[in-house]
PDB file of N, CA and C in Angstrom:
ATOM      1  N   MET A   1     -43.168 114.711  -8.261  1.00  0.00           N
ATOM      2  CA  MET A   1     -43.464 113.505  -7.531  1.00  0.00           C
ATOM      3  C   MET A   1     -42.888 112.322  -8.279  1.00  0.00           C
ATOM      4  N   SER A   2     -42.206 111.465  -7.582  1.00  0.00           N
ATOM      5  CA  SER A   2     -41.511 110.333  -8.178  1.00  0.00           C
ATOM      6  C   SER A   2     -42.295 109.049  -7.883  1.00  0.00           C
ATOM      7  N   ILE A   3     -42.419 108.214  -8.886  1.00  0.00           N
ATOM      8  CA  ILE A   3     -43.120 106.930  -8.725  1.00  0.00           C
ATOM      9  C   ILE A   3     -42.067 105.839  -8.628  1.00  0.00           C
ATOM     10  N   GLN A   4     -42.107 105.087  -7.552  1.00  0.00           N
ATOM     11  CA  GLN A   4     -41.157 103.989  -7.402  1.00  0.00           C
ATOM     12  C   GLN A   4     -41.803 102.714  -7.925  1.00  0.00           C
ATOM     13  N   ARG A   5     -41.014 102.004  -8.672  1.00  0.00           N
ATOM     14  CA  ARG A   5     -41.509 100.729  -9.215  1.00  0.00           C
ATOM     15  C   ARG A   5     -40.900  99.587  -8.403  1.00  0.00           C
ATOM     16  N   HIS A   6     -41.685  98.627  -8.148  1.00  0.00           N
ATOM     17  CA  HIS A   6     -41.234  97.466  -7.389  1.00  0.00           C
ATOM     18  C   HIS A   6     -41.361  96.243  -8.289  1.00  0.00           C
ATOM     19  N   PRO A   7     -40.252  95.852  -8.940  1.00  0.00           N
ATOM     20  CA  PRO A   7     -40.305  94.746  -9.905  1.00  0.00           C
ATOM     21  C   PRO A   7     -40.876  93.456  -9.322  1.00  0.00           C
ATOM     22  N   ARG A   8     -40.572  93.151  -8.092  1.00  0.00           N
ATOM     23  CA  ARG A   8     -41.085  91.902  -7.501  1.00  0.00           C
ATOM     24  C   ARG A   8     -42.604  91.956  -7.331  1.00  0.00           C
ATOM     25  N   LYS A   9     -43.116  93.097  -6.926  1.00  0.00           N
ATOM     26  CA  LYS A   9     -44.565  93.235  -6.752  1.00  0.00           C
ATOM     27  C   LYS A   9     -45.270  93.173  -8.095  1.00  0.00           C
ATOM     28  N   ILE A  10     -44.666  93.802  -9.110  1.00  0.00           N
ATOM     29  CA  ILE A  10     -45.259  93.767 -10.451  1.00  0.00           C
ATOM     30  C   ILE A  10     -45.249  92.339 -10.983  1.00  0.00           C
ATOM     31  N   ALA A  11     -44.122  91.640 -10.821  1.00  0.00           N
ATOM     32  CA  ALA A  11     -44.029  90.254 -11.286  1.00  0.00           C
ATOM     33  C   ALA A  11     -45.029  89.360 -10.550  1.00  0.00           C
ATOM     34  N   ALA A  12     -45.177  89.583  -9.248  1.00  0.00           N
ATOM     35  CA  ALA A  12     -46.128  88.791  -8.475  1.00  0.00           C
ATOM     36  C   ALA A  12     -47.557  89.041  -8.934  1.00  0.00           C
ATOM     37  N   ALA A  13     -47.884  90.295  -9.225  1.00  0.00           N
ATOM     38  CA  ALA A  13     -49.227  90.619  -9.698  1.00  0.00           C
ATOM     39  C   ALA A  13     -49.498  89.987 -11.055  1.00  0.00           C
ATOM     40  N   ILE A  14     -48.530  90.041 -11.953  1.00  0.00           N
ATOM     41  CA  ILE A  14     -48.703  89.432 -13.283  1.00  0.00           C
ATOM     42  C   ILE A  14     -48.830  87.922 -13.157  1.00  0.00           C
ATOM     43  N   GLY A  15     -47.979  87.330 -12.320  1.00  0.00           N
ATOM     44  CA  GLY A  15     -48.051  85.877 -12.106  1.00  0.00           C
ATOM     45  C   GLY A  15     -49.384  85.454 -11.517  1.00  0.00           C
ATOM     46  N   GLY A  16     -49.881  86.231 -10.562  1.00  0.00           N
ATOM     47  CA  GLY A  16     -51.179  85.919  -9.954  1.00  0.00           C
ATOM     48  C   GLY A  16     -52.314  86.012 -10.955  1.00  0.00           C
ATOM     49  N   ALA A  17     -52.251  87.019 -11.823  1.00  0.00           N
ATOM     50  CA  ALA A  17     -53.284  87.164 -12.848  1.00  0.00           C
ATOM     51  C   ALA A  17     -53.243  85.995 -13.825  1.00  0.00           C
ATOM     52  N   ALA A  18     -52.034  85.564 -14.189  1.00  0.00           N
ATOM     53  CA  ALA A  18     -51.905  84.433 -15.107  1.00  0.00           C
ATOM     54  C   ALA A  18     -52.427  83.155 -14.465  1.00  0.00           C
ATOM     55  N   LEU A  19     -52.126  82.954 -13.196  1.00  0.00           N
ATOM     56  CA  LEU A  19     -52.603  81.769 -12.475  1.00  0.00           C
ATOM     57  C   LEU A  19     -54.125  81.764 -12.384  1.00  0.00           C
ATOM     58  N   ALA A  20     -54.712  82.924 -12.086  1.00  0.00           N
ATOM     59  CA  ALA A  20     -56.171  83.023 -12.000  1.00  0.00           C
ATOM     60  C   ALA A  20     -56.817  82.734 -13.348  1.00  0.00           C
ATOM     61  N   THR A  21     -56.217  83.239 -14.418  1.00  0.00           N
ATOM     62  CA  THR A  21     -56.756  82.979 -15.763  1.00  0.00           C
ATOM     63  C   THR A  21     -56.707  81.494 -16.076  1.00  0.00           C
ATOM     64  N   GLY A  22     -55.602  80.850 -15.736  1.00  0.00           N
ATOM     65  CA  GLY A  22     -55.485  79.408 -15.967  1.00  0.00           C
ATOM     66  C   GLY A  22     -56.505  78.620 -15.178  1.00  0.00           C
ATOM     67  N   ALA A  23     -56.734  79.009 -13.936  1.00  0.00           N
ATOM     68  CA  ALA A  23     -57.712  78.317 -13.093  1.00  0.00           C
ATOM     69  C   ALA A  23     -59.117  78.473 -13.652  1.00  0.00           C
ATOM     70  N   ILE A  24     -59.453  79.675 -14.075  1.00  0.00           N
ATOM     71  CA  ILE A  24     -60.784  79.924 -14.647  1.00  0.00           C
ATOM     72  C   ILE A  24     -60.970  79.106 -15.916  1.00  0.00           C
ATOM     73  N   THR A  25     -59.949  79.041 -16.753  1.00  0.00           N
ATOM     74  CA  THR A  25     -60.029  78.253 -17.989  1.00  0.00           C
ATOM     75  C   THR A  25     -60.224  76.782 -17.666  1.00  0.00           C
ATOM     76  N   GLY A  26     -59.495  76.282 -16.665  1.00  0.00           N
ATOM     77  CA  GLY A  26     -59.640  74.880 -16.277  1.00  0.00           C
ATOM     78  C   GLY A  26     -61.024  74.567 -15.754  1.00  0.00           C
ATOM     79  N   VAL A  27     -61.589  75.456 -14.943  1.00  0.00           N
ATOM     80  CA  VAL A  27     -62.940  75.253 -14.420  1.00  0.00           C
ATOM     81  C   VAL A  27     -63.953  75.274 -15.552  1.00  0.00           C
ATOM     82  N   ALA A  28     -63.798  76.199 -16.488  1.00  0.00           N
ATOM     83  CA  ALA A  28     -64.728  76.277 -17.610  1.00  0.00           C
ATOM     84  C   ALA A  28     -64.647  75.016 -18.460  1.00  0.00           C
ATOM     85  N   PHE A  29     -63.451  74.505 -18.678  1.00  0.00           N
ATOM     86  CA  PHE A  29     -63.276  73.272 -19.445  1.00  0.00           C
ATOM     87  C   PHE A  29     -63.957  72.109 -18.747  1.00  0.00           C
ATOM     88  N   ALA A  30     -63.755  71.984 -17.439  1.00  0.00           N
ATOM     89  CA  ALA A  30     -64.356  70.884 -16.690  1.00  0.00           C
ATOM     90  C   ALA A  30     -65.873  71.004 -16.638  1.00  0.00           C
ATOM     91  N   ALA A  31     -66.388  72.193 -16.482  1.00  0.00           N
ATOM     92  CA  ALA A  31     -67.832  72.394 -16.362  1.00  0.00           C
ATOM     93  C   ALA A  31     -68.563  72.093 -17.656  1.00  0.00           C
ATOM     94  N   THR A  32     -67.944  72.379 -18.783  1.00  0.00           N
ATOM     95  CA  THR A  32     -68.607  72.140 -20.062  1.00  0.00           C
ATOM     96  C   THR A  32     -68.406  70.735 -20.570  1.00  0.00           C
ATOM     97  N   GLY A  33     -67.451  70.004 -19.972  1.00  0.00           N
ATOM     98  CA  GLY A  33     -67.171  68.668 -20.453  1.00  0.00           C
ATOM     99  C   GLY A  33     -66.593  68.696 -21.856  1.00  0.00           C
ATOM    100  N   SER A  34     -66.035  69.803 -22.218  1.00  0.00           N
ATOM    101  CA  SER A  34     -65.507  69.976 -23.559  1.00  0.00           C
ATOM    102  C   SER A  34     -64.327  69.055 -23.794  1.00  0.00           C
ATOM    103  N   ASP A  35     -64.179  68.638 -25.025  1.00  0.00           N
ATOM    104  CA  ASP A  35     -63.010  67.865 -25.388  1.00  0.00           C
ATOM    105  C   ASP A  35     -62.359  68.492 -26.598  1.00  0.00           C
ATOM    106  N   GLU A  36     -61.342  67.848 -27.117  1.00  0.00           N
ATOM    107  CA  GLU A  36     -60.575  68.452 -28.192  1.00  0.00           C
ATOM    108  C   GLU A  36     -61.099  68.085 -29.570  1.00  0.00           C
ATOM    109  N   ARG A  37     -62.241  67.518 -29.670  1.00  0.00           N
ATOM    110  CA  ARG A  37     -62.811  67.170 -30.964  1.00  0.00           C
ATOM    111  C   ARG A  37     -63.205  68.439 -31.702  1.00  0.00           C
ATOM    112  N   ASP A  38     -62.851  68.503 -32.972  1.00  0.00           N
ATOM    113  CA  ASP A  38     -63.185  69.669 -33.773  1.00  0.00           C
ATOM    114  C   ASP A  38     -64.576  69.577 -34.371  1.00  0.00           C
ATOM    115  N   ASP A  39     -65.077  68.355 -34.561  1.00  0.00           N
ATOM    116  CA  ASP A  39     -66.360  68.142 -35.206  1.00  0.00           C
ATOM    117  C   ASP A  39     -67.450  68.025 -34.145  1.00  0.00           C
ATOM    118  N   PRO A  40     -68.360  69.018 -34.053  1.00  0.00           N
ATOM    119  CA  PRO A  40     -69.415  68.949 -33.042  1.00  0.00           C
ATOM    120  C   PRO A  40     -70.294  67.714 -33.186  1.00  0.00           C
ATOM    121  N   ALA A  41     -70.384  67.155 -34.392  1.00  0.00           N
ATOM    122  CA  ALA A  41     -71.211  65.968 -34.604  1.00  0.00           C
ATOM    123  C   ALA A  41     -70.632  64.760 -33.889  1.00  0.00           C
ATOM    124  N   GLU A  42     -69.332  64.783 -33.559  1.00  0.00           N
ATOM    125  CA  GLU A  42     -68.704  63.663 -32.876  1.00  0.00           C
ATOM    126  C   GLU A  42     -68.849  63.745 -31.362  1.00  0.00           C
ATOM    127  N   THR A  43     -69.350  64.841 -30.844  1.00  0.00           N
ATOM    128  CA  THR A  43     -69.488  65.017 -29.414  1.00  0.00           C
ATOM    129  C   THR A  43     -70.756  64.325 -28.937  1.00  0.00           C
ATOM    130  N   GLU A  44     -70.590  63.391 -27.996  1.00  0.00           N
ATOM    131  CA  GLU A  44     -71.739  62.666 -27.468  1.00  0.00           C
ATOM    132  C   GLU A  44     -72.514  63.552 -26.510  1.00  0.00           C
ATOM    133  N   GLN A  45     -73.835  63.449 -26.584  1.00  0.00           N
ATOM    134  CA  GLN A  45     -74.691  64.200 -25.669  1.00  0.00           C
ATOM    135  C   GLN A  45     -75.447  63.213 -24.802  1.00  0.00           C
ATOM    136  N   ALA A  46     -75.416  63.445 -23.509  1.00  0.00           N
ATOM    137  CA  ALA A  46     -76.143  62.589 -22.580  1.00  0.00           C
ATOM    138  C   ALA A  46     -77.645  62.801 -22.743  1.00  0.00           C
ATOM    139  N   ILE A  47     -78.399  61.794 -22.364  1.00  0.00           N
ATOM    140  CA  ILE A  47     -79.859  61.903 -22.414  1.00  0.00           C
ATOM    141  C   ILE A  47     -80.295  62.962 -21.405  1.00  0.00           C
ATOM    142  N   PRO A  48     -81.159  63.901 -21.815  1.00  0.00           N
ATOM    143  CA  PRO A  48     -81.611  64.938 -20.888  1.00  0.00           C
ATOM    144  C   PRO A  48     -82.365  64.345 -19.702  1.00  0.00           C
ATOM    145  N   ALA A  49     -82.290  65.031 -18.576  1.00  0.00           N
ATOM    146  CA  ALA A  49     -82.916  64.550 -17.342  1.00  0.00           C
ATOM    147  C   ALA A  49     -84.394  64.240 -17.522  1.00  0.00           C
ATOM    148  N   SER A  50     -85.071  64.999 -18.367  1.00  0.00           N
ATOM    149  CA  SER A  50     -86.506  64.795 -18.567  1.00  0.00           C
ATOM    150  C   SER A  50     -86.815  63.445 -19.213  1.00  0.00           C
ATOM    151  N   ASP A  51     -85.861  62.852 -19.920  1.00  0.00           N
ATOM    152  CA  ASP A  51     -86.069  61.562 -20.592  1.00  0.00           C
ATOM    153  C   ASP A  51     -85.271  60.426 -19.958  1.00  0.00           C
ATOM    154  N   LEU A  52     -84.372  60.756 -19.054  1.00  0.00           N
ATOM    155  CA  LEU A  52     -83.447  59.765 -18.523  1.00  0.00           C
ATOM    156  C   LEU A  52     -84.142  58.632 -17.774  1.00  0.00           C
ATOM    157  N   ASP A  53     -85.135  58.934 -16.954  1.00  0.00           N
ATOM    158  CA  ASP A  53     -85.819  57.882 -16.183  1.00  0.00           C
ATOM    159  C   ASP A  53     -86.482  56.861 -17.100  1.00  0.00           C
ATOM    160  N   ARG A  54     -87.155  57.337 -18.128  1.00  0.00           N
ATOM    161  CA  ARG A  54     -87.849  56.416 -19.052  1.00  0.00           C
ATOM    162  C   ARG A  54     -86.847  55.582 -19.844  1.00  0.00           C
ATOM    163  N   ALA A  55     -85.756  56.205 -20.291  1.00  0.00           N
ATOM    164  CA  ALA A  55     -84.737  55.483 -21.053  1.00  0.00           C
ATOM    165  C   ALA A  55     -84.047  54.445 -20.173  1.00  0.00           C
ATOM    166  N   THR A  56     -83.747  54.820 -18.949  1.00  0.00           N
ATOM    167  CA  THR A  56     -83.114  53.892 -18.008  1.00  0.00           C
ATOM    168  C   THR A  56     -84.027  52.710 -17.719  1.00  0.00           C
ATOM    169  N   ALA A  57     -85.289  52.967 -17.448  1.00  0.00           N
ATOM    170  CA  ALA A  57     -86.241  51.888 -17.147  1.00  0.00           C
ATOM    171  C   ALA A  57     -86.369  50.929 -18.326  1.00  0.00           C
ATOM    172  N   ALA A  58     -86.452  51.463 -19.530  1.00  0.00           N
ATOM    173  CA  ALA A  58     -86.582  50.608 -20.719  1.00  0.00           C
ATOM    174  C   ALA A  58     -85.329  49.764 -20.921  1.00  0.00           C
ATOM    175  N   ALA A  59     -84.158  50.359 -20.736  1.00  0.00           N
ATOM    176  CA  ALA A  59     -82.912  49.627 -20.931  1.00  0.00           C
ATOM    177  C   ALA A  59     -82.736  48.533 -19.880  1.00  0.00           C
ATOM    178  N   LEU A  60     -83.017  48.861 -18.624  1.00  0.00           N
ATOM    179  CA  LEU A  60     -82.858  47.868 -17.564  1.00  0.00           C
ATOM    180  C   LEU A  60     -83.889  46.739 -17.684  1.00  0.00           C
ATOM    181  N   ALA A  61     -85.078  47.050 -18.175  1.00  0.00           N
ATOM    182  CA  ALA A  61     -86.072  46.002 -18.410  1.00  0.00           C
ATOM    183  C   ALA A  61     -85.577  45.060 -19.514  1.00  0.00           C
ATOM    184  N   GLU A  62     -84.935  45.620 -20.519  1.00  0.00           N
ATOM    185  CA  GLU A  62     -84.408  44.807 -21.625  1.00  0.00           C
ATOM    186  C   GLU A  62     -83.269  43.895 -21.169  1.00  0.00           C
ATOM    187  N   THR A  63     -82.385  44.424 -20.317  1.00  0.00           N
ATOM    188  CA  THR A  63     -81.215  43.650 -19.895  1.00  0.00           C
ATOM    189  C   THR A  63     -81.484  42.795 -18.654  1.00  0.00           C
ATOM    190  N   GLY A  64     -82.606  43.018 -17.996  1.00  0.00           N
ATOM    191  CA  GLY A  64     -82.919  42.267 -16.782  1.00  0.00           C
ATOM    192  C   GLY A  64     -82.160  42.777 -15.565  1.00  0.00           C
ATOM    193  N   GLY A  65     -81.680  44.008 -15.608  1.00  0.00           N
ATOM    194  CA  GLY A  65     -80.959  44.593 -14.479  1.00  0.00           C
ATOM    195  C   GLY A  65     -79.603  45.111 -14.922  1.00  0.00           C
ATOM    196  N   GLY A  66     -78.811  45.487 -13.934  1.00  0.00           N
ATOM    197  CA  GLY A  66     -77.493  46.040 -14.208  1.00  0.00           C
ATOM    198  C   GLY A  66     -77.414  47.488 -13.782  1.00  0.00           C
ATOM    199  N   THR A  67     -76.357  48.149 -14.213  1.00  0.00           N
ATOM    200  CA  THR A  67     -76.119  49.547 -13.869  1.00  0.00           C
ATOM    201  C   THR A  67     -75.932  50.360 -15.138  1.00  0.00           C
ATOM    202  N   VAL A  68     -76.654  51.452 -15.258  1.00  0.00           N
ATOM    203  CA  VAL A  68     -76.475  52.336 -16.412  1.00  0.00           C
ATOM    204  C   VAL A  68     -75.151  53.065 -16.226  1.00  0.00           C
ATOM    205  N   THR A  69     -74.256  52.915 -17.197  1.00  0.00           N
ATOM    206  CA  THR A  69     -72.933  53.514 -17.087  1.00  0.00           C
ATOM    207  C   THR A  69     -72.704  54.654 -18.064  1.00  0.00           C
ATOM    208  N   GLU A  70     -73.565  54.774 -19.069  1.00  0.00           N
ATOM    209  CA  GLU A  70     -73.415  55.866 -20.033  1.00  0.00           C
ATOM    210  C   GLU A  70     -74.690  55.988 -20.840  1.00  0.00           C
ATOM    211  N   THR A  71     -74.995  57.198 -21.272  1.00  0.00           N
ATOM    212  CA  THR A  71     -76.146  57.412 -22.145  1.00  0.00           C
ATOM    213  C   THR A  71     -75.753  58.351 -23.270  1.00  0.00           C
ATOM    214  N   GLU A  72     -76.526  58.289 -24.343  1.00  0.00           N
ATOM    215  CA  GLU A  72     -76.239  59.143 -25.495  1.00  0.00           C
ATOM    216  C   GLU A  72     -77.527  59.419 -26.261  1.00  0.00           C
ATOM    217  N   VAL A  73     -77.617  60.604 -26.825  1.00  0.00           N
ATOM    218  CA  VAL A  73     -78.763  60.991 -27.650  1.00  0.00           C
ATOM    219  C   VAL A  73     -78.309  61.074 -29.097  1.00  0.00           C
ATOM    220  N   ASP A  74     -79.195  60.635 -29.996  1.00  0.00           N
ATOM    221  CA  ASP A  74     -78.976  60.758 -31.437  1.00  0.00           C
ATOM    222  C   ASP A  74     -77.651  60.155 -31.889  1.00  0.00           C
ATOM    223  N   ASP A  75     -77.379  58.929 -31.437  1.00  0.00           N
ATOM    224  CA  ASP A  75     -76.188  58.279 -31.966  1.00  0.00           C
ATOM    225  C   ASP A  75     -76.506  57.771 -33.363  1.00  0.00           C
ATOM    226  N   GLU A  76     -75.583  57.102 -33.986  1.00  0.00           N
ATOM    227  CA  GLU A  76     -75.776  56.691 -35.382  1.00  0.00           C
ATOM    228  C   GLU A  76     -76.822  55.599 -35.569  1.00  0.00           C
ATOM    229  N   GLU A  77     -77.230  54.954 -34.486  1.00  0.00           N
ATOM    230  CA  GLU A  77     -78.143  53.818 -34.609  1.00  0.00           C
ATOM    231  C   GLU A  77     -79.556  54.074 -34.096  1.00  0.00           C
ATOM    232  N   SER A  78     -79.749  55.070 -33.253  1.00  0.00           N
ATOM    233  CA  SER A  78     -81.066  55.255 -32.638  1.00  0.00           C
ATOM    234  C   SER A  78     -81.183  56.643 -32.008  1.00  0.00           C
ATOM    235  N   LYS A  79     -82.359  56.939 -31.488  1.00  0.00           N
ATOM    236  CA  LYS A  79     -82.587  58.206 -30.791  1.00  0.00           C
ATOM    237  C   LYS A  79     -81.823  58.231 -29.465  1.00  0.00           C
ATOM    238  N   TYR A  80     -81.935  57.136 -28.704  1.00  0.00           N
ATOM    239  CA  TYR A  80     -81.256  57.041 -27.416  1.00  0.00           C
ATOM    240  C   TYR A  80     -80.430  55.764 -27.370  1.00  0.00           C
ATOM    241  N   GLU A  81     -79.262  55.860 -26.744  1.00  0.00           N
ATOM    242  CA  GLU A  81     -78.465  54.667 -26.469  1.00  0.00           C
ATOM    243  C   GLU A  81     -78.155  54.668 -24.987  1.00  0.00           C
ATOM    244  N   VAL A  82     -78.402  53.543 -24.340  1.00  0.00           N
ATOM    245  CA  VAL A  82     -78.130  53.395 -22.919  1.00  0.00           C
ATOM    246  C   VAL A  82     -77.165  52.230 -22.760  1.00  0.00           C
ATOM    247  N   GLU A  83     -76.001  52.516 -22.181  1.00  0.00           N
ATOM    248  CA  GLU A  83     -75.022  51.466 -21.925  1.00  0.00           C
ATOM    249  C   GLU A  83     -75.267  50.929 -20.525  1.00  0.00           C
ATOM    250  N   VAL A  84     -75.452  49.616 -20.433  1.00  0.00           N
ATOM    251  CA  VAL A  84     -75.716  48.962 -19.155  1.00  0.00           C
ATOM    252  C   VAL A  84     -74.586  47.978 -18.882  1.00  0.00           C
ATOM    253  N   THR A  85     -74.028  48.040 -17.673  1.00  0.00           N
ATOM    254  CA  THR A  85     -73.030  47.064 -17.249  1.00  0.00           C
ATOM    255  C   THR A  85     -73.719  46.085 -16.313  1.00  0.00           C
ATOM    256  N   LEU A  86     -73.677  44.817 -16.706  1.00  0.00           N
ATOM    257  CA  LEU A  86     -74.316  43.765 -15.916  1.00  0.00           C
ATOM    258  C   LEU A  86     -73.418  43.362 -14.752  1.00  0.00           C
ATOM    259  N   ASP A  87     -73.946  42.544 -13.839  1.00  0.00           N
ATOM    260  CA  ASP A  87     -73.188  42.128 -12.660  1.00  0.00           C
ATOM    261  C   ASP A  87     -71.910  41.380 -13.020  1.00  0.00           C
ATOM    262  N   ASP A  88     -71.902  40.677 -14.162  1.00  0.00           N
ATOM    263  CA  ASP A  88     -70.695  39.954 -14.580  1.00  0.00           C
ATOM    264  C   ASP A  88     -69.744  40.838 -15.390  1.00  0.00           C
ATOM    265  N   ARG A  89     -69.994  42.158 -15.401  1.00  0.00           N
ATOM    266  CA  ARG A  89     -69.216  43.200 -16.066  1.00  0.00           C
ATOM    267  C   ARG A  89     -69.410  43.212 -17.589  1.00  0.00           C
ATOM    268  N   THR A  90     -70.349  42.439 -18.102  1.00  0.00           N
ATOM    269  CA  THR A  90     -70.667  42.505 -19.522  1.00  0.00           C
ATOM    270  C   THR A  90     -71.370  43.823 -19.799  1.00  0.00           C
ATOM    271  N   GLN A  91     -70.994  44.469 -20.885  1.00  0.00           N
ATOM    272  CA  GLN A  91     -71.640  45.724 -21.264  1.00  0.00           C
ATOM    273  C   GLN A  91     -72.613  45.466 -22.397  1.00  0.00           C
ATOM    274  N   VAL A  92     -73.803  46.045 -22.258  1.00  0.00           N
ATOM    275  CA  VAL A  92     -74.830  45.923 -23.277  1.00  0.00           C
ATOM    276  C   VAL A  92     -75.274  47.328 -23.664  1.00  0.00           C
ATOM    277  N   ASP A  93     -75.211  47.634 -24.958  1.00  0.00           N
ATOM    278  CA  ASP A  93     -75.737  48.899 -25.463  1.00  0.00           C
ATOM    279  C   ASP A  93     -77.165  48.659 -25.909  1.00  0.00           C
ATOM    280  N   VAL A  94     -78.097  49.371 -25.307  1.00  0.00           N
ATOM    281  CA  VAL A  94     -79.515  49.230 -25.638  1.00  0.00           C
ATOM    282  C   VAL A  94     -79.915  50.442 -26.467  1.00  0.00           C
ATOM    283  N   GLN A  95     -80.430  50.192 -27.675  1.00  0.00           N
ATOM    284  CA  GLN A  95     -80.865  51.247 -28.588  1.00  0.00           C
ATOM    285  C   GLN A  95     -82.373  51.438 -28.427  1.00  0.00           C
ATOM    286  N   LEU A  96     -82.781  52.707 -28.261  1.00  0.00           N
ATOM    287  CA  LEU A  96     -84.200  53.025 -28.070  1.00  0.00           C
ATOM    288  C   LEU A  96     -84.637  54.050 -29.108  1.00  0.00           C
ATOM    289  N   ASP A  97     -85.902  53.927 -29.551  1.00  0.00           N
ATOM    290  CA  ASP A  97     -86.429  54.959 -30.449  1.00  0.00           C
ATOM    291  C   ASP A  97     -86.971  56.123 -29.616  1.00  0.00           C
ATOM    292  N   LYS A  98     -87.551  57.121 -30.259  1.00  0.00           N
ATOM    293  CA  LYS A  98     -88.007  58.317 -29.538  1.00  0.00           C
ATOM    294  C   LYS A  98     -89.156  58.034 -28.575  1.00  0.00           C
ATOM    295  N   SER A  99     -89.809  56.859 -28.720  1.00  0.00           N
ATOM    296  CA  SER A  99     -90.878  56.464 -27.798  1.00  0.00           C
ATOM    297  C   SER A  99     -90.369  55.523 -26.712  1.00  0.00           C
ATOM    298  N   PHE A 100     -89.046  55.367 -26.614  1.00  0.00           N
ATOM    299  CA  PHE A 100     -88.391  54.524 -25.617  1.00  0.00           C
ATOM    300  C   PHE A 100     -88.661  53.036 -25.832  1.00  0.00           C
ATOM    301  N   VAL A 101     -88.922  52.659 -27.079  1.00  0.00           N
ATOM    302  CA  VAL A 101     -89.093  51.256 -27.452  1.00  0.00           C
ATOM    303  C   VAL A 101     -87.728  50.731 -27.887  1.00  0.00           C
ATOM    304  N   VAL A 102     -87.358  49.547 -27.405  1.00  0.00           N
ATOM    305  CA  VAL A 102     -86.066  48.954 -27.760  1.00  0.00           C
ATOM    306  C   VAL A 102     -86.072  48.588 -29.235  1.00  0.00           C
ATOM    307  N   VAL A 103     -85.074  49.082 -29.958  1.00  0.00           N
ATOM    308  CA  VAL A 103     -84.948  48.777 -31.386  1.00  0.00           C
ATOM    309  C   VAL A 103     -83.702  47.958 -31.675  1.00  0.00           C
ATOM    310  N   GLY A 104     -82.899  47.683 -30.648  1.00  0.00           N
ATOM    311  CA  GLY A 104     -81.721  46.853 -30.834  1.00  0.00           C
ATOM    312  C   GLY A 104     -80.858  46.830 -29.590  1.00  0.00           C
ATOM    313  N   THR A 105     -80.033  45.793 -29.509  1.00  0.00           N
ATOM    314  CA  THR A 105     -79.052  45.691 -28.429  1.00  0.00           C
ATOM    315  C   THR A 105     -77.750  45.170 -29.016  1.00  0.00           C
ATOM    316  N   GLU A 106     -76.664  45.504 -28.343  1.00  0.00           N
ATOM    317  CA  GLU A 106     -75.352  45.007 -28.748  1.00  0.00           C
ATOM    318  C   GLU A 106     -74.540  44.745 -27.497  1.00  0.00           C
ATOM    319  N   THR A 107     -73.997  43.551 -27.383  1.00  0.00           N
ATOM    320  CA  THR A 107     -73.157  43.198 -26.248  1.00  0.00           C
ATOM    321  C   THR A 107     -71.710  43.497 -26.597  1.00  0.00           C
ATOM    322  N   ASP A 108     -71.077  44.314 -25.749  1.00  0.00           N
ATOM    323  CA  ASP A 108     -69.699  44.741 -26.009  1.00  0.00           C
ATOM    324  C   ASP A 108     -68.667  43.888 -25.317  1.00  0.00           C
ATOM    325  N   GLY A 109     -69.071  42.932 -24.520  1.00  0.00           N
ATOM    326  CA  GLY A 109     -68.098  42.110 -23.800  1.00  0.00           C
ATOM    327  C   GLY A 109     -67.950  42.597 -22.381  1.00  0.00           C
ATOM    328  N   GLN A 110     -66.941  42.036 -21.692  1.00  0.00           N
ATOM    329  CA  GLN A 110     -66.755  42.360 -20.286  1.00  0.00           C
ATOM    330  C   GLN A 110     -65.827  43.541 -20.121  1.00  0.00           C
ATOM    331  N   GLN A 111     -66.144  44.349 -19.121  1.00  0.00           N
ATOM    332  CA  GLN A 111     -65.348  45.518 -18.777  1.00  0.00           C
ATOM    333  C   GLN A 111     -64.346  45.111 -17.705  1.00  0.00           C
ATOM    334  N   ASP A 112     -63.089  45.581 -17.860  1.00  0.00           N
ATOM    335  CA  ASP A 112     -62.085  45.335 -16.830  1.00  0.00           C
ATOM    336  C   ASP A 112     -62.452  46.045 -15.551  1.00  0.00           C
ATOM    337  N   VAL A 113     -61.877  45.635 -14.455  1.00  0.00           N
ATOM    338  CA  VAL A 113     -62.153  46.242 -13.159  1.00  0.00           C
ATOM    339  C   VAL A 113     -61.799  47.724 -13.160  1.00  0.00           C
ATOM    340  N   ASP A 114     -60.763  48.123 -13.920  1.00  0.00           N
ATOM    341  CA  ASP A 114     -60.366  49.536 -13.949  1.00  0.00           C
ATOM    342  C   ASP A 114     -61.183  50.368 -14.904  1.00  0.00           C
ATOM    343  N   GLY A 115     -62.217  49.797 -15.509  1.00  0.00           N
ATOM    344  CA  GLY A 115     -63.117  50.570 -16.343  1.00  0.00           C
ATOM    345  C   GLY A 115     -62.839  50.486 -17.817  1.00  0.00           C
ATOM    346  N   GLU A 116     -61.837  49.721 -18.225  1.00  0.00           N
ATOM    347  CA  GLU A 116     -61.540  49.585 -19.643  1.00  0.00           C
ATOM    348  C   GLU A 116     -61.970  48.223 -20.128  1.00  0.00           C
ATOM    349  N   GLY A 117     -62.519  48.203 -21.343  1.00  0.00           N
ATOM    350  CA  GLY A 117     -63.005  46.937 -21.871  1.00  0.00           C
ATOM    351  C   GLY A 117     -62.130  46.321 -22.881  1.00  0.00           C
TER     352      GLY A 117
END
């Protein structure tokens, strides 16, 4: 019995497998929010959902309103950091302790319309 090989079919199968592997890798990268930082200590962690409402309320009360644009846990200055963008595009970083008490604020200036400050 003779086995016929079809180079085009084999190449197509290999190409399809490579494409699927690339797609899976891309989805995994996007889902984990992974970046190219080698030091895990440099990776920012968002405030967990269980604490987010309290941190948001404390930050917005401190700033008198605005929109929460970023959050972080265990940054170098506090337990929680909540970045608030005010209506005039000024950014304020609100530092909170583990009891959601404000321990400091820092104004970063105005954010450009395209999201860069």
